[in-house]
Amino acid sequence: MTEQILTAAGFKIVTRAGFDAATDVPAAVRLVAERIFKRWGGDFVVYDPAGGDDGWLLIDDDRDQIIGETVEHLGRLKPEPPAPAQGSLF
């Protein structure tokens, strides 16, 4: 269930090899990830391909933990305001 929330929000959970092969990772996110891999390692990555250079990135050996932390983060975000109503009022 939590993984479905993550993917519905546009985030991706991949292995390190999948992350290295991905073509939708923002450049600055990839740079940060390379530094993290060199220093601490990590087998799984959660990232937001649409987040730009300031997008979400979590790397860890525990897949379920980083999914849970990302879903928790999403729950703290303020929802986007609804689009203004179209039409006329009588």
C-alpha atoms as a PDB file:
ATOM      1  CA  MET A   1       0.000   0.000   0.000  1.00  0.00           C
ATOM      2  CA  THR A   2       2.727   2.505   0.914  1.00  0.00           C
ATOM      3  CA  GLU A   3       4.606   1.786  -2.300  1.00  0.00           C
ATOM      4  CA  GLN A   4       1.449   2.585  -4.264  1.00  0.00           C
ATOM      5  CA  ILE A   5       1.191   5.966  -2.491  1.00  0.00           C
ATOM      6  CA  LEU A   6       4.798   6.678  -3.420  1.00  0.00           C
ATOM      7  CA  THR A   7       4.343   5.827  -7.093  1.00  0.00           C
ATOM      8  CA  ALA A   8       1.001   7.675  -7.301  1.00  0.00           C
ATOM      9  CA  ALA A   9       2.857  10.807  -6.154  1.00  0.00           C
ATOM     10  CA  GLY A  10       5.310  10.371  -9.046  1.00  0.00           C
ATOM     11  CA  PHE A  11       8.242   9.120  -6.953  1.00  0.00           C
ATOM     12  CA  LYS A  12      10.282   6.082  -7.977  1.00  0.00           C
ATOM     13  CA  ILE A  13      11.838   3.292  -5.912  1.00  0.00           C
ATOM     14  CA  VAL A  14      14.693   1.523  -7.676  1.00  0.00           C
ATOM     15  CA  THR A  15      17.801  -0.475  -6.955  1.00  0.00           C
ATOM     16  CA  ARG A  16      21.145   1.243  -7.215  1.00  0.00           C
ATOM     17  CA  ALA A  17      21.689  -0.346 -10.637  1.00  0.00           C
ATOM     18  CA  GLY A  18      18.273   0.883 -11.733  1.00  0.00           C
ATOM     19  CA  PHE A  19      19.134   4.382 -10.514  1.00  0.00           C
ATOM     20  CA  ASP A  20      22.458   4.343 -12.368  1.00  0.00           C
ATOM     21  CA  ALA A  21      20.639   3.325 -15.573  1.00  0.00           C
ATOM     22  CA  ALA A  22      17.723   5.774 -15.171  1.00  0.00           C
ATOM     23  CA  THR A  23      17.594   8.660 -17.620  1.00  0.00           C
ATOM     24  CA  ASP A  24      15.070  10.779 -15.687  1.00  0.00           C
ATOM     25  CA  VAL A  25      17.261  11.659 -12.687  1.00  0.00           C
ATOM     26  CA  PRO A  26      17.931  15.415 -12.368  1.00  0.00           C
ATOM     27  CA  ALA A  27      21.647  16.244 -12.690  1.00  0.00           C
ATOM     28  CA  ALA A  28      22.126  17.703  -9.196  1.00  0.00           C
ATOM     29  CA  VAL A  29      20.273  14.772  -7.620  1.00  0.00           C
ATOM     30  CA  ARG A  30      22.576  12.353  -9.432  1.00  0.00           C
ATOM     31  CA  LEU A  31      25.645  14.233  -8.157  1.00  0.00           C
ATOM     32  CA  VAL A  32      24.431  14.084  -4.561  1.00  0.00           C
ATOM     33  CA  ALA A  33      23.581  10.398  -4.948  1.00  0.00           C
ATOM     34  CA  GLU A  34      27.084   9.603  -6.242  1.00  0.00           C
ATOM     35  CA  ARG A  35      28.598  11.239  -3.160  1.00  0.00           C
ATOM     36  CA  ILE A  36      26.294   9.291  -0.861  1.00  0.00           C
ATOM     37  CA  PHE A  37      27.097   5.999  -2.621  1.00  0.00           C
ATOM     38  CA  LYS A  38      30.848   6.638  -2.242  1.00  0.00           C
ATOM     39  CA  ARG A  39      30.611   7.471   1.443  1.00  0.00           C
ATOM     40  CA  TRP A  40      27.811   5.259   2.786  1.00  0.00           C
ATOM     41  CA  GLY A  41      26.683   2.941   0.006  1.00  0.00           C
ATOM     42  CA  GLY A  42      23.036   1.933  -0.239  1.00  0.00           C
ATOM     43  CA  ASP A  43      21.106  -0.647  -2.213  1.00  0.00           C
ATOM     44  CA  PHE A  44      17.846   1.225  -2.843  1.00  0.00           C
ATOM     45  CA  VAL A  45      16.935   4.726  -3.970  1.00  0.00           C
ATOM     46  CA  VAL A  46      13.723   6.746  -3.783  1.00  0.00           C
ATOM     47  CA  TYR A  47      13.725   9.848  -5.954  1.00  0.00           C
ATOM     48  CA  ASP A  48      11.367  12.296  -7.602  1.00  0.00           C
ATOM     49  CA  PRO A  49      12.096  12.576 -11.327  1.00  0.00           C
ATOM     50  CA  ALA A  50       9.931  15.702 -11.619  1.00  0.00           C
ATOM     51  CA  GLY A  51      11.428  17.384  -8.558  1.00  0.00           C
ATOM     52  CA  GLY A  52      14.269  19.062 -10.407  1.00  0.00           C
ATOM     53  CA  ASP A  53      17.638  19.661  -8.819  1.00  0.00           C
ATOM     54  CA  ASP A  54      16.042  20.196  -5.400  1.00  0.00           C
ATOM     55  CA  GLY A  55      13.963  17.021  -5.628  1.00  0.00           C
ATOM     56  CA  TRP A  56      13.497  14.251  -3.093  1.00  0.00           C
ATOM     57  CA  LEU A  57      16.288  11.676  -2.678  1.00  0.00           C
ATOM     58  CA  LEU A  58      16.625   8.889  -0.117  1.00  0.00           C
ATOM     59  CA  ILE A  59      19.222   6.125  -0.254  1.00  0.00           C
ATOM     60  CA  ASP A  60      19.449   3.168   2.125  1.00  0.00           C
ATOM     61  CA  ASP A  61      19.864  -0.583   2.373  1.00  0.00           C
ATOM     62  CA  ASP A  62      16.352  -0.982   3.840  1.00  0.00           C
ATOM     63  CA  ARG A  63      13.827  -0.662   1.025  1.00  0.00           C
ATOM     64  CA  ASP A  64      10.744  -0.657   3.256  1.00  0.00           C
ATOM     65  CA  GLN A  65      12.185   2.016   5.518  1.00  0.00           C
ATOM     66  CA  ILE A  66      12.854   4.540   2.761  1.00  0.00           C
ATOM     67  CA  ILE A  67       9.432   3.907   1.258  1.00  0.00           C
ATOM     68  CA  GLY A  68       7.851   4.537   4.670  1.00  0.00           C
ATOM     69  CA  GLU A  69       9.881   7.703   5.246  1.00  0.00           C
ATOM     70  CA  THR A  70       8.927   9.062   1.832  1.00  0.00           C
ATOM     71  CA  VAL A  71       5.224   8.387   2.421  1.00  0.00           C
ATOM     72  CA  GLU A  72       5.537  10.094   5.822  1.00  0.00           C
ATOM     73  CA  HIS A  73       7.140  13.098   4.095  1.00  0.00           C
ATOM     74  CA  LEU A  74       4.321  13.214   1.538  1.00  0.00           C
ATOM     75  CA  GLY A  75       1.791  13.254   4.372  1.00  0.00           C
ATOM     76  CA  ARG A  76       3.406  16.397   5.803  1.00  0.00           C
ATOM     77  CA  LEU A  77       3.181  18.344   2.546  1.00  0.00           C
ATOM     78  CA  LYS A  78       0.405  20.867   2.215  1.00  0.00           C
ATOM     79  CA  PRO A  79      -2.133  19.811  -0.385  1.00  0.00           C
ATOM     80  CA  GLU A  80      -2.333  21.954  -3.492  1.00  0.00           C
ATOM     81  CA  PRO A  81      -5.271  24.366  -3.441  1.00  0.00           C
ATOM     82  CA  PRO A  82      -8.125  23.401  -5.736  1.00  0.00           C
ATOM     83  CA  ALA A  83      -8.304  25.063  -9.119  1.00  0.00           C
ATOM     84  CA  PRO A  84     -10.649  28.035  -9.280  1.00  0.00           C
ATOM     85  CA  ALA A  85     -14.170  27.168 -10.317  1.00  0.00           C
ATOM     86  CA  GLN A  86     -15.114  27.934 -13.880  1.00  0.00           C
ATOM     87  CA  GLY A  87     -18.498  29.320 -14.822  1.00  0.00           C
ATOM     88  CA  SER A  88     -20.847  32.029 -13.704  1.00  0.00           C
ATOM     89  CA  LEU A  89     -22.719  32.621 -10.523  1.00  0.00           C
ATOM     90  CA  PHE A  90     -26.379  33.636 -10.783  1.00  0.00           C
END
